[in-house]
């Protein structure tokens, strides 16, 4: 779950602008270039010259800012994890696509997500992993049909509390950020089934974590969690619980209430013992206990 895979999209045709001796750009060409979004080149400071010694303008990666020409678009793939376009920002015309259901802008060097994202009222999937986002707009909470949000490996310090109003949200994936705490509001997302918060800086979980009644998978590995709130052990639908590489020193006996568990990872903590009630979790297929301080295992 730490990486997102999918079919890469075809690359957008690159447009080049250049000058040669004895010729000038027409007004029509100037008008066309004004409608094109110029992007950073990998060698911005380099200069090119033609055979006659005339300076040639650098080539830019470009993408049309005229997505309104495609009013029936339901999926738009501007990026793909690890193989995006260096856009830095999503073209404004994208927010006018009323039928858009999936937007993938992974690895596009985005530094911000505008408030206008809430104009995509039919959006169901939003993929923004592998960018440089430091925050998310509160307007995300207006996306009532959003089912999955992918923001892995950015620079986020938190998740907006307004996500509790995303009544269709089932998957929230925010691995590899700088998140230090989760708001109590986030635990009120009514249909959340999959939570990916691994590789952050989370020190504690909200006391009302147990309000996520439909949660099936919780990835909380590689954080700084020292204690598990009791309400978590009320999640009867929880099947996967990853808490490896945290700072846990004990495991509450109420863990035995998680009878639906099939995967439990507690590796790389500071556990010295296990409660005998863990034996009630008879559906466990994967149990990771390595790199703790256990001197004996429970008898089952």
C-alpha atoms as a PDB file:
ATOM      1  CA  UNK A   1       0.000   0.000   0.000  1.00  0.00           C
ATOM      2  CA  UNK A   2       3.003   2.210   0.182  1.00  0.00           C
ATOM      3  CA  UNK A   3       2.997   2.754  -3.542  1.00  0.00           C
ATOM      4  CA  UNK A   4       0.238   3.162  -6.109  1.00  0.00           C
ATOM      5  CA  UNK A   5       0.374   1.287  -9.369  1.00  0.00           C
ATOM      6  CA  UNK A   6      -1.668   1.710 -12.533  1.00  0.00           C
ATOM      7  CA  UNK A   7      -1.476   1.987 -16.290  1.00  0.00           C
ATOM      8  CA  UNK A   8       0.602   5.023 -17.341  1.00  0.00           C
ATOM      9  CA  UNK A   9      -1.092   7.490 -19.638  1.00  0.00           C
ATOM     10  CA  UNK A  10       0.235   8.468 -23.029  1.00  0.00           C
ATOM     11  CA  UNK A  11       2.434  11.508 -22.852  1.00  0.00           C
ATOM     12  CA  UNK A  12       1.039  14.821 -24.031  1.00  0.00           C
ATOM     13  CA  UNK A  13       2.545  16.038 -27.313  1.00  0.00           C
ATOM     14  CA  UNK A  14       5.249  18.563 -26.590  1.00  0.00           C
ATOM     15  CA  UNK A  15       5.068  21.903 -28.300  1.00  0.00           C
ATOM     16  CA  UNK A  16       8.217  23.819 -29.147  1.00  0.00           C
ATOM     17  CA  UNK A  17       8.726  27.511 -29.686  1.00  0.00           C
ATOM     18  CA  UNK A  18      11.797  28.758 -31.498  1.00  0.00           C
ATOM     19  CA  UNK A  19      13.172  31.575 -33.579  1.00  0.00           C
ATOM     20  CA  UNK A  20      15.299  31.551 -36.729  1.00  0.00           C
ATOM     21  CA  UNK A  21      17.031  34.333 -38.644  1.00  0.00           C
ATOM     22  CA  UNK A  22      14.929  36.419 -41.028  1.00  0.00           C
ATOM     23  CA  UNK A  23      11.516  35.335 -39.650  1.00  0.00           C
ATOM     24  CA  UNK A  24       9.051  36.720 -37.074  1.00  0.00           C
ATOM     25  CA  UNK A  25       6.213  35.143 -35.151  1.00  0.00           C
ATOM     26  CA  UNK A  26       2.739  35.908 -36.473  1.00  0.00           C
ATOM     27  CA  UNK A  27      -0.017  37.272 -34.287  1.00  0.00           C
ATOM     28  CA  UNK A  28      -1.838  33.965 -34.654  1.00  0.00           C
ATOM     29  CA  UNK A  29       1.112  32.082 -33.203  1.00  0.00           C
ATOM     30  CA  UNK A  30       1.284  34.537 -30.293  1.00  0.00           C
ATOM     31  CA  UNK A  31      -2.405  33.985 -29.567  1.00  0.00           C
ATOM     32  CA  UNK A  32      -1.942  30.231 -29.558  1.00  0.00           C
ATOM     33  CA  UNK A  33       0.986  30.393 -27.165  1.00  0.00           C
ATOM     34  CA  UNK A  34      -1.037  32.489 -24.726  1.00  0.00           C
ATOM     35  CA  UNK A  35      -3.436  29.564 -24.342  1.00  0.00           C
ATOM     36  CA  UNK A  36      -0.662  27.104 -23.555  1.00  0.00           C
ATOM     37  CA  UNK A  37       0.630  26.447 -20.059  1.00  0.00           C
ATOM     38  CA  UNK A  38       4.429  26.720 -20.133  1.00  0.00           C
ATOM     39  CA  UNK A  39       6.173  24.390 -17.693  1.00  0.00           C
ATOM     40  CA  UNK A  40       9.658  24.199 -16.231  1.00  0.00           C
ATOM     41  CA  UNK A  41      12.383  22.607 -18.307  1.00  0.00           C
ATOM     42  CA  UNK A  42      15.041  20.455 -16.694  1.00  0.00           C
ATOM     43  CA  UNK A  43      17.706  22.757 -18.088  1.00  0.00           C
ATOM     44  CA  UNK A  44      16.197  26.192 -17.584  1.00  0.00           C
ATOM     45  CA  UNK A  45      19.505  28.049 -17.563  1.00  0.00           C
ATOM     46  CA  UNK A  46      20.946  26.511 -20.731  1.00  0.00           C
ATOM     47  CA  UNK A  47      21.084  28.432 -24.011  1.00  0.00           C
ATOM     48  CA  UNK A  48      20.796  26.976 -27.504  1.00  0.00           C
ATOM     49  CA  UNK A  49      22.004  28.448 -30.796  1.00  0.00           C
ATOM     50  CA  UNK A  50      21.267  27.496 -34.401  1.00  0.00           C
ATOM     51  CA  UNK A  51      23.868  26.980 -37.132  1.00  0.00           C
ATOM     52  CA  UNK A  52      23.954  30.735 -37.815  1.00  0.00           C
ATOM     53  CA  UNK A  53      24.568  31.622 -34.193  1.00  0.00           C
ATOM     54  CA  UNK A  54      21.030  32.829 -33.498  1.00  0.00           C
ATOM     55  CA  UNK A  55      19.634  32.226 -30.021  1.00  0.00           C
ATOM     56  CA  UNK A  56      16.926  29.559 -30.029  1.00  0.00           C
ATOM     57  CA  UNK A  57      14.319  29.620 -27.277  1.00  0.00           C
ATOM     58  CA  UNK A  58      14.274  26.606 -24.976  1.00  0.00           C
ATOM     59  CA  UNK A  59      11.680  23.924 -25.534  1.00  0.00           C
ATOM     60  CA  UNK A  60       9.032  23.611 -22.843  1.00  0.00           C
ATOM     61  CA  UNK A  61       6.794  20.795 -21.801  1.00  0.00           C
ATOM     62  CA  UNK A  62       3.322  22.134 -22.480  1.00  0.00           C
ATOM     63  CA  UNK A  63      -0.259  21.162 -21.882  1.00  0.00           C
ATOM     64  CA  UNK A  64      -3.365  22.904 -23.232  1.00  0.00           C
ATOM     65  CA  UNK A  65      -5.333  24.954 -20.742  1.00  0.00           C
ATOM     66  CA  UNK A  66      -8.518  24.357 -22.724  1.00  0.00           C
ATOM     67  CA  UNK A  67     -10.056  21.286 -21.147  1.00  0.00           C
ATOM     68  CA  UNK A  68     -13.477  22.839 -21.627  1.00  0.00           C
ATOM     69  CA  UNK A  69     -13.142  21.512 -25.169  1.00  0.00           C
ATOM     70  CA  UNK A  70     -13.856  18.088 -23.625  1.00  0.00           C
ATOM     71  CA  UNK A  71     -17.126  18.669 -21.733  1.00  0.00           C
ATOM     72  CA  UNK A  72     -17.926  14.923 -21.475  1.00  0.00           C
ATOM     73  CA  UNK A  73     -14.609  13.947 -19.887  1.00  0.00           C
ATOM     74  CA  UNK A  74     -15.045  11.512 -16.983  1.00  0.00           C
ATOM     75  CA  UNK A  75     -11.381  10.579 -16.363  1.00  0.00           C
ATOM     76  CA  UNK A  76      -8.311  12.779 -16.626  1.00  0.00           C
ATOM     77  CA  UNK A  77      -4.826  11.380 -16.064  1.00  0.00           C
ATOM     78  CA  UNK A  78      -2.268  14.170 -15.841  1.00  0.00           C
ATOM     79  CA  UNK A  79       0.143  12.023 -13.873  1.00  0.00           C
ATOM     80  CA  UNK A  80       0.903   8.542 -12.702  1.00  0.00           C
ATOM     81  CA  UNK A  81       2.781   7.675  -9.538  1.00  0.00           C
ATOM     82  CA  UNK A  82       6.459   8.293 -10.253  1.00  0.00           C
ATOM     83  CA  UNK A  83       5.823   9.300 -13.851  1.00  0.00           C
ATOM     84  CA  UNK A  84       3.862  12.519 -13.823  1.00  0.00           C
ATOM     85  CA  UNK A  85       4.199  15.725 -15.800  1.00  0.00           C
ATOM     86  CA  UNK A  86       6.006  18.721 -14.219  1.00  0.00           C
ATOM     87  CA  UNK A  87       2.878  20.861 -14.098  1.00  0.00           C
ATOM     88  CA  UNK A  88       3.246  22.527 -10.690  1.00  0.00           C
ATOM     89  CA  UNK A  89      -0.446  23.432 -10.855  1.00  0.00           C
ATOM     90  CA  UNK A  90      -3.604  21.921 -12.290  1.00  0.00           C
ATOM     91  CA  UNK A  91      -4.957  23.952 -15.247  1.00  0.00           C
ATOM     92  CA  UNK A  92      -7.925  26.066 -14.160  1.00  0.00           C
ATOM     93  CA  UNK A  93     -10.145  24.794 -16.945  1.00  0.00           C
ATOM     94  CA  UNK A  94     -10.086  21.326 -15.353  1.00  0.00           C
ATOM     95  CA  UNK A  95     -12.379  22.581 -12.604  1.00  0.00           C
ATOM     96  CA  UNK A  96     -15.089  23.214 -15.183  1.00  0.00           C
ATOM     97  CA  UNK A  97     -15.392  19.531 -16.113  1.00  0.00           C
ATOM     98  CA  UNK A  98     -18.775  18.796 -14.572  1.00  0.00           C
ATOM     99  CA  UNK A  99     -18.773  15.067 -15.357  1.00  0.00           C
ATOM    100  CA  UNK A 100     -15.241  14.319 -14.160  1.00  0.00           C
ATOM    101  CA  UNK A 101     -15.163  11.293 -11.849  1.00  0.00           C
ATOM    102  CA  UNK A 102     -11.448  10.542 -11.662  1.00  0.00           C
ATOM    103  CA  UNK A 103      -8.552  13.002 -11.573  1.00  0.00           C
ATOM    104  CA  UNK A 104      -4.997  11.681 -11.358  1.00  0.00           C
ATOM    105  CA  UNK A 105      -2.323  14.335 -10.870  1.00  0.00           C
ATOM    106  CA  UNK A 106       0.235  12.125  -9.130  1.00  0.00           C
ATOM    107  CA  UNK A 107       3.905  13.136  -9.333  1.00  0.00           C
ATOM    108  CA  UNK A 108       3.154  16.425 -11.094  1.00  0.00           C
ATOM    109  CA  UNK A 109       5.232  18.631  -8.761  1.00  0.00           C
ATOM    110  CA  UNK A 110       2.100  20.283  -7.408  1.00  0.00           C
ATOM    111  CA  UNK A 111       2.700  22.738  -4.574  1.00  0.00           C
ATOM    112  CA  UNK A 112      -0.926  23.574  -3.837  1.00  0.00           C
ATOM    113  CA  UNK A 113      -4.468  22.436  -4.478  1.00  0.00           C
ATOM    114  CA  UNK A 114      -6.834  25.369  -5.159  1.00  0.00           C
ATOM    115  CA  UNK A 115     -10.121  25.878  -3.349  1.00  0.00           C
ATOM    116  CA  UNK A 116     -11.870  25.388  -6.695  1.00  0.00           C
ATOM    117  CA  UNK A 117     -11.439  21.635  -6.386  1.00  0.00           C
ATOM    118  CA  UNK A 118     -14.920  21.625  -4.841  1.00  0.00           C
ATOM    119  CA  UNK A 119     -16.381  22.583  -8.226  1.00  0.00           C
ATOM    120  CA  UNK A 120     -15.874  18.982  -9.359  1.00  0.00           C
ATOM    121  CA  UNK A 121     -19.104  17.845  -7.749  1.00  0.00           C
ATOM    122  CA  UNK A 122     -19.104  14.400  -9.387  1.00  0.00           C
ATOM    123  CA  UNK A 123     -15.506  13.551  -8.494  1.00  0.00           C
ATOM    124  CA  UNK A 124     -15.134  10.063  -7.007  1.00  0.00           C
ATOM    125  CA  UNK A 125     -11.360   9.495  -7.132  1.00  0.00           C
ATOM    126  CA  UNK A 126      -8.636  12.060  -6.487  1.00  0.00           C
ATOM    127  CA  UNK A 127      -5.011  10.953  -6.864  1.00  0.00           C
ATOM    128  CA  UNK A 128      -2.380  13.455  -5.700  1.00  0.00           C
ATOM    129  CA  UNK A 129       0.451  11.254  -4.417  1.00  0.00           C
ATOM    130  CA  UNK A 130       4.089  12.129  -4.972  1.00  0.00           C
ATOM    131  CA  UNK A 131       3.769  15.906  -5.053  1.00  0.00           C
ATOM    132  CA  UNK A 132       4.921  18.779  -2.819  1.00  0.00           C
ATOM    133  CA  UNK A 133       1.640  19.633  -1.118  1.00  0.00           C
ATOM    134  CA  UNK A 134       1.969  21.044   2.392  1.00  0.00           C
ATOM    135  CA  UNK A 135      -1.766  21.399   3.025  1.00  0.00           C
ATOM    136  CA  UNK A 136      -5.144  20.480   1.591  1.00  0.00           C
ATOM    137  CA  UNK A 137      -8.029  22.942   1.162  1.00  0.00           C
ATOM    138  CA  UNK A 138     -11.006  22.734   3.505  1.00  0.00           C
ATOM    139  CA  UNK A 139     -13.206  22.802   0.416  1.00  0.00           C
ATOM    140  CA  UNK A 140     -12.488  19.083  -0.080  1.00  0.00           C
ATOM    141  CA  UNK A 141     -15.306  18.540   2.376  1.00  0.00           C
ATOM    142  CA  UNK A 142     -17.754  19.699  -0.293  1.00  0.00           C
ATOM    143  CA  UNK A 143     -17.037  16.676  -2.484  1.00  0.00           C
ATOM    144  CA  UNK A 144     -20.011  14.561  -1.434  1.00  0.00           C
ATOM    145  CA  UNK A 145     -19.323  11.809  -3.983  1.00  0.00           C
ATOM    146  CA  UNK A 146     -15.614  11.418  -3.318  1.00  0.00           C
ATOM    147  CA  UNK A 147     -14.825   7.766  -2.580  1.00  0.00           C
ATOM    148  CA  UNK A 148     -11.033   7.689  -2.438  1.00  0.00           C
ATOM    149  CA  UNK A 149      -8.350  10.281  -1.744  1.00  0.00           C
ATOM    150  CA  UNK A 150      -4.685   9.478  -2.396  1.00  0.00           C
ATOM    151  CA  UNK A 151      -2.134  11.968  -1.014  1.00  0.00           C
ATOM    152  CA  UNK A 152       0.768   9.642  -0.237  1.00  0.00           C
ATOM    153  CA  UNK A 153       4.281  11.057  -0.089  1.00  0.00           C
ATOM    154  CA  UNK A 154       3.688  14.768   0.007  1.00  0.00           C
ATOM    155  CA  UNK A 155       4.673  17.193   2.779  1.00  0.00           C
ATOM    156  CA  UNK A 156       1.337  17.427   4.548  1.00  0.00           C
ATOM    157  CA  UNK A 157       1.209  18.497   8.183  1.00  0.00           C
ATOM    158  CA  UNK A 158      -2.388  17.421   8.642  1.00  0.00           C
ATOM    159  CA  UNK A 159      -5.662  16.352   7.082  1.00  0.00           C
ATOM    160  CA  UNK A 160      -8.530  18.878   7.004  1.00  0.00           C
ATOM    161  CA  UNK A 161     -11.281  18.148   9.503  1.00  0.00           C
ATOM    162  CA  UNK A 162     -13.869  18.954   6.835  1.00  0.00           C
ATOM    163  CA  UNK A 163     -13.371  15.489   5.359  1.00  0.00           C
ATOM    164  CA  UNK A 164     -15.963  14.329   7.859  1.00  0.00           C
ATOM    165  CA  UNK A 165     -18.517  15.806   5.466  1.00  0.00           C
ATOM    166  CA  UNK A 166     -17.360  13.570   2.613  1.00  0.00           C
ATOM    167  CA  UNK A 167     -20.218  11.179   3.153  1.00  0.00           C
ATOM    168  CA  UNK A 168     -19.096   8.764   0.399  1.00  0.00           C
ATOM    169  CA  UNK A 169     -15.397   8.602   1.332  1.00  0.00           C
ATOM    170  CA  UNK A 170     -14.210   5.001   1.742  1.00  0.00           C
ATOM    171  CA  UNK A 171     -10.450   5.243   1.301  1.00  0.00           C
ATOM    172  CA  UNK A 172      -7.994   7.801   2.693  1.00  0.00           C
ATOM    173  CA  UNK A 173      -4.334   7.200   1.913  1.00  0.00           C
ATOM    174  CA  UNK A 174      -1.748   9.623   3.314  1.00  0.00           C
ATOM    175  CA  UNK A 175       1.409   7.543   3.813  1.00  0.00           C
ATOM    176  CA  UNK A 176       4.773   9.269   3.982  1.00  0.00           C
ATOM    177  CA  UNK A 177       3.847  12.778   5.073  1.00  0.00           C
ATOM    178  CA  UNK A 178       4.568  14.910   8.155  1.00  0.00           C
ATOM    179  CA  UNK A 179       1.272  14.435   9.950  1.00  0.00           C
ATOM    180  CA  UNK A 180       1.568  14.633  13.742  1.00  0.00           C
ATOM    181  CA  UNK A 181      -2.042  14.132  14.814  1.00  0.00           C
ATOM    182  CA  UNK A 182      -5.451  13.140  13.492  1.00  0.00           C
ATOM    183  CA  UNK A 183      -8.471  15.247  14.352  1.00  0.00           C
ATOM    184  CA  UNK A 184     -11.487  13.790  16.122  1.00  0.00           C
ATOM    185  CA  UNK A 185     -13.551  14.980  13.152  1.00  0.00           C
ATOM    186  CA  UNK A 186     -11.654  12.608  10.894  1.00  0.00           C
ATOM    187  CA  UNK A 187     -12.978   9.719  12.975  1.00  0.00           C
ATOM    188  CA  UNK A 188     -16.493  10.720  12.040  1.00  0.00           C
ATOM    189  CA  UNK A 189     -16.176  10.025   8.322  1.00  0.00           C
ATOM    190  CA  UNK A 190     -19.266   7.807   8.082  1.00  0.00           C
ATOM    191  CA  UNK A 191     -18.199   5.253   5.440  1.00  0.00           C
ATOM    192  CA  UNK A 192     -14.422   5.141   5.811  1.00  0.00           C
ATOM    193  CA  UNK A 193     -13.171   1.591   5.268  1.00  0.00           C
ATOM    194  CA  UNK A 194      -9.471   2.045   4.475  1.00  0.00           C
ATOM    195  CA  UNK A 195      -7.082   4.360   6.313  1.00  0.00           C
ATOM    196  CA  UNK A 196      -3.428   4.590   5.282  1.00  0.00           C
ATOM    197  CA  UNK A 197      -1.406   6.785   7.658  1.00  0.00           C
ATOM    198  CA  UNK A 198       1.909   4.942   7.739  1.00  0.00           C
ATOM    199  CA  UNK A 199       5.274   6.698   7.788  1.00  0.00           C
ATOM    200  CA  UNK A 200       4.132   9.903   9.447  1.00  0.00           C
ATOM    201  CA  UNK A 201       4.842  11.507  12.829  1.00  0.00           C
ATOM    202  CA  UNK A 202       1.638  10.613  14.642  1.00  0.00           C
ATOM    203  CA  UNK A 203       2.104  10.428  18.418  1.00  0.00           C
ATOM    204  CA  UNK A 204      -1.411   9.515  19.494  1.00  0.00           C
ATOM    205  CA  UNK A 205      -4.728   8.480  18.022  1.00  0.00           C
ATOM    206  CA  UNK A 206      -8.012  10.253  18.778  1.00  0.00           C
ATOM    207  CA  UNK A 207      -9.994   8.769  21.660  1.00  0.00           C
ATOM    208  CA  UNK A 208     -13.027   8.478  19.378  1.00  0.00           C
ATOM    209  CA  UNK A 209     -11.171   6.319  16.846  1.00  0.00           C
ATOM    210  CA  UNK A 210     -13.810   3.672  17.477  1.00  0.00           C
ATOM    211  CA  UNK A 211     -16.435   5.806  15.727  1.00  0.00           C
ATOM    212  CA  UNK A 212     -15.087   4.512  12.420  1.00  0.00           C
ATOM    213  CA  UNK A 213     -17.530   1.615  12.566  1.00  0.00           C
ATOM    214  CA  UNK A 214     -16.974   0.492   8.963  1.00  0.00           C
ATOM    215  CA  UNK A 215     -13.173   0.559   9.087  1.00  0.00           C
ATOM    216  CA  UNK A 216     -11.639  -2.621   7.640  1.00  0.00           C
ATOM    217  CA  UNK A 217      -7.974  -1.706   7.220  1.00  0.00           C
ATOM    218  CA  UNK A 218      -5.854   0.639   9.346  1.00  0.00           C
ATOM    219  CA  UNK A 219      -2.248   1.208   8.329  1.00  0.00           C
ATOM    220  CA  UNK A 220      -0.586   3.120  11.171  1.00  0.00           C
ATOM    221  CA  UNK A 221       2.923   1.719  10.903  1.00  0.00           C
ATOM    222  CA  UNK A 222       6.108   3.791  11.185  1.00  0.00           C
ATOM    223  CA  UNK A 223       4.810   6.512  13.480  1.00  0.00           C
ATOM    224  CA  UNK A 224       5.455   7.462  17.131  1.00  0.00           C
ATOM    225  CA  UNK A 225       2.317   5.980  18.666  1.00  0.00           C
ATOM    226  CA  UNK A 226       2.727   5.001  22.324  1.00  0.00           C
ATOM    227  CA  UNK A 227      -0.797   3.965  23.219  1.00  0.00           C
ATOM    228  CA  UNK A 228      -3.852   2.574  21.457  1.00  0.00           C
ATOM    229  CA  UNK A 229      -7.183   4.167  22.439  1.00  0.00           C
ATOM    230  CA  UNK A 230      -9.652   1.697  23.931  1.00  0.00           C
ATOM    231  CA  UNK A 231     -12.308   2.625  21.394  1.00  0.00           C
ATOM    232  CA  UNK A 232     -10.220   1.080  18.608  1.00  0.00           C
ATOM    233  CA  UNK A 233     -10.930  -2.357  20.059  1.00  0.00           C
ATOM    234  CA  UNK A 234     -14.630  -1.798  19.349  1.00  0.00           C
ATOM    235  CA  UNK A 235     -14.102  -1.971  15.572  1.00  0.00           C
ATOM    236  CA  UNK A 236     -15.820  -5.252  14.819  1.00  0.00           C
ATOM    237  CA  UNK A 237     -15.180  -4.987  11.060  1.00  0.00           C
ATOM    238  CA  UNK A 238     -11.421  -4.406  11.348  1.00  0.00           C
ATOM    239  CA  UNK A 239      -9.476  -7.029   9.391  1.00  0.00           C
ATOM    240  CA  UNK A 240      -6.038  -5.453   8.972  1.00  0.00           C
ATOM    241  CA  UNK A 241      -4.192  -3.541  11.690  1.00  0.00           C
ATOM    242  CA  UNK A 242      -0.606  -2.463  11.118  1.00  0.00           C
ATOM    243  CA  UNK A 243       1.124  -0.839  14.093  1.00  0.00           C
ATOM    244  CA  UNK A 244       4.701  -1.880  13.391  1.00  0.00           C
ATOM    245  CA  UNK A 245       7.604   0.453  14.138  1.00  0.00           C
ATOM    246  CA  UNK A 246       5.889   2.529  16.815  1.00  0.00           C
ATOM    247  CA  UNK A 247       6.561   2.943  20.541  1.00  0.00           C
ATOM    248  CA  UNK A 248       4.000   0.594  22.075  1.00  0.00           C
ATOM    249  CA  UNK A 249       4.943  -0.936  25.421  1.00  0.00           C
ATOM    250  CA  UNK A 250       1.762  -2.924  26.016  1.00  0.00           C
ATOM    251  CA  UNK A 251      -1.241  -4.338  24.222  1.00  0.00           C
ATOM    252  CA  UNK A 252      -4.618  -4.012  25.900  1.00  0.00           C
ATOM    253  CA  UNK A 253      -6.481  -7.238  26.631  1.00  0.00           C
ATOM    254  CA  UNK A 254      -9.428  -5.824  24.702  1.00  0.00           C
ATOM    255  CA  UNK A 255      -7.575  -6.725  21.528  1.00  0.00           C
ATOM    256  CA  UNK A 256      -9.430 -10.007  21.855  1.00  0.00           C
ATOM    257  CA  UNK A 257     -12.591  -8.198  20.787  1.00  0.00           C
ATOM    258  CA  UNK A 258     -11.196  -7.802  17.277  1.00  0.00           C
ATOM    259  CA  UNK A 259     -12.397 -11.201  16.173  1.00  0.00           C
ATOM    260  CA  UNK A 260     -12.448 -10.275  12.474  1.00  0.00           C
ATOM    261  CA  UNK A 261      -8.692  -9.586  12.383  1.00  0.00           C
ATOM    262  CA  UNK A 262      -6.774 -11.450   9.688  1.00  0.00           C
ATOM    263  CA  UNK A 263      -3.549  -9.392   9.777  1.00  0.00           C
ATOM    264  CA  UNK A 264      -1.900  -7.895  12.850  1.00  0.00           C
ATOM    265  CA  UNK A 265       1.543  -6.315  12.709  1.00  0.00           C
ATOM    266  CA  UNK A 266       3.230  -5.286  15.949  1.00  0.00           C
ATOM    267  CA  UNK A 267       6.857  -5.563  14.841  1.00  0.00           C
ATOM    268  CA  UNK A 268       9.486  -3.097  16.035  1.00  0.00           C
ATOM    269  CA  UNK A 269       7.765  -1.923  19.206  1.00  0.00           C
ATOM    270  CA  UNK A 270       8.658  -2.301  22.896  1.00  0.00           C
ATOM    271  CA  UNK A 271       6.237  -5.030  23.911  1.00  0.00           C
ATOM    272  CA  UNK A 272       7.290  -7.296  26.772  1.00  0.00           C
ATOM    273  CA  UNK A 273       4.163  -9.449  26.902  1.00  0.00           C
ATOM    274  CA  UNK A 274       0.963 -10.294  25.032  1.00  0.00           C
ATOM    275  CA  UNK A 275      -2.529 -10.601  26.539  1.00  0.00           C
ATOM    276  CA  UNK A 276      -3.989 -14.110  26.508  1.00  0.00           C
ATOM    277  CA  UNK A 277      -7.166 -12.646  24.995  1.00  0.00           C
ATOM    278  CA  UNK A 278      -5.313 -12.413  21.676  1.00  0.00           C
ATOM    279  CA  UNK A 279      -6.158 -16.094  21.312  1.00  0.00           C
ATOM    280  CA  UNK A 280      -9.763 -15.027  20.622  1.00  0.00           C
ATOM    281  CA  UNK A 281      -8.657 -13.624  17.262  1.00  0.00           C
ATOM    282  CA  UNK A 282      -8.848 -16.996  15.557  1.00  0.00           C
ATOM    283  CA  UNK A 283      -9.061 -15.599  12.016  1.00  0.00           C
ATOM    284  CA  UNK A 284      -5.551 -14.140  12.069  1.00  0.00           C
ATOM    285  CA  UNK A 285      -3.480 -15.335   9.120  1.00  0.00           C
ATOM    286  CA  UNK A 286      -0.539 -12.944   9.484  1.00  0.00           C
ATOM    287  CA  UNK A 287       0.918 -12.105  12.911  1.00  0.00           C
ATOM    288  CA  UNK A 288       4.135 -10.077  13.085  1.00  0.00           C
ATOM    289  CA  UNK A 289       5.831  -9.815  16.469  1.00  0.00           C
ATOM    290  CA  UNK A 290       9.510  -9.559  15.577  1.00  0.00           C
ATOM    291  CA  UNK A 291      11.887  -6.993  17.064  1.00  0.00           C
ATOM    292  CA  UNK A 292      10.138  -6.511  20.415  1.00  0.00           C
ATOM    293  CA  UNK A 293      11.178  -7.401  23.972  1.00  0.00           C
ATOM    294  CA  UNK A 294       9.008 -10.479  24.378  1.00  0.00           C
ATOM    295  CA  UNK A 295      10.471 -13.125  26.652  1.00  0.00           C
ATOM    296  CA  UNK A 296       7.565 -15.547  26.283  1.00  0.00           C
ATOM    297  CA  UNK A 297       4.588 -16.037  23.998  1.00  0.00           C
ATOM    298  CA  UNK A 298       1.011 -16.611  25.108  1.00  0.00           C
ATOM    299  CA  UNK A 299      -0.244 -20.155  25.346  1.00  0.00           C
ATOM    300  CA  UNK A 300      -3.143 -20.861  23.021  1.00  0.00           C
END
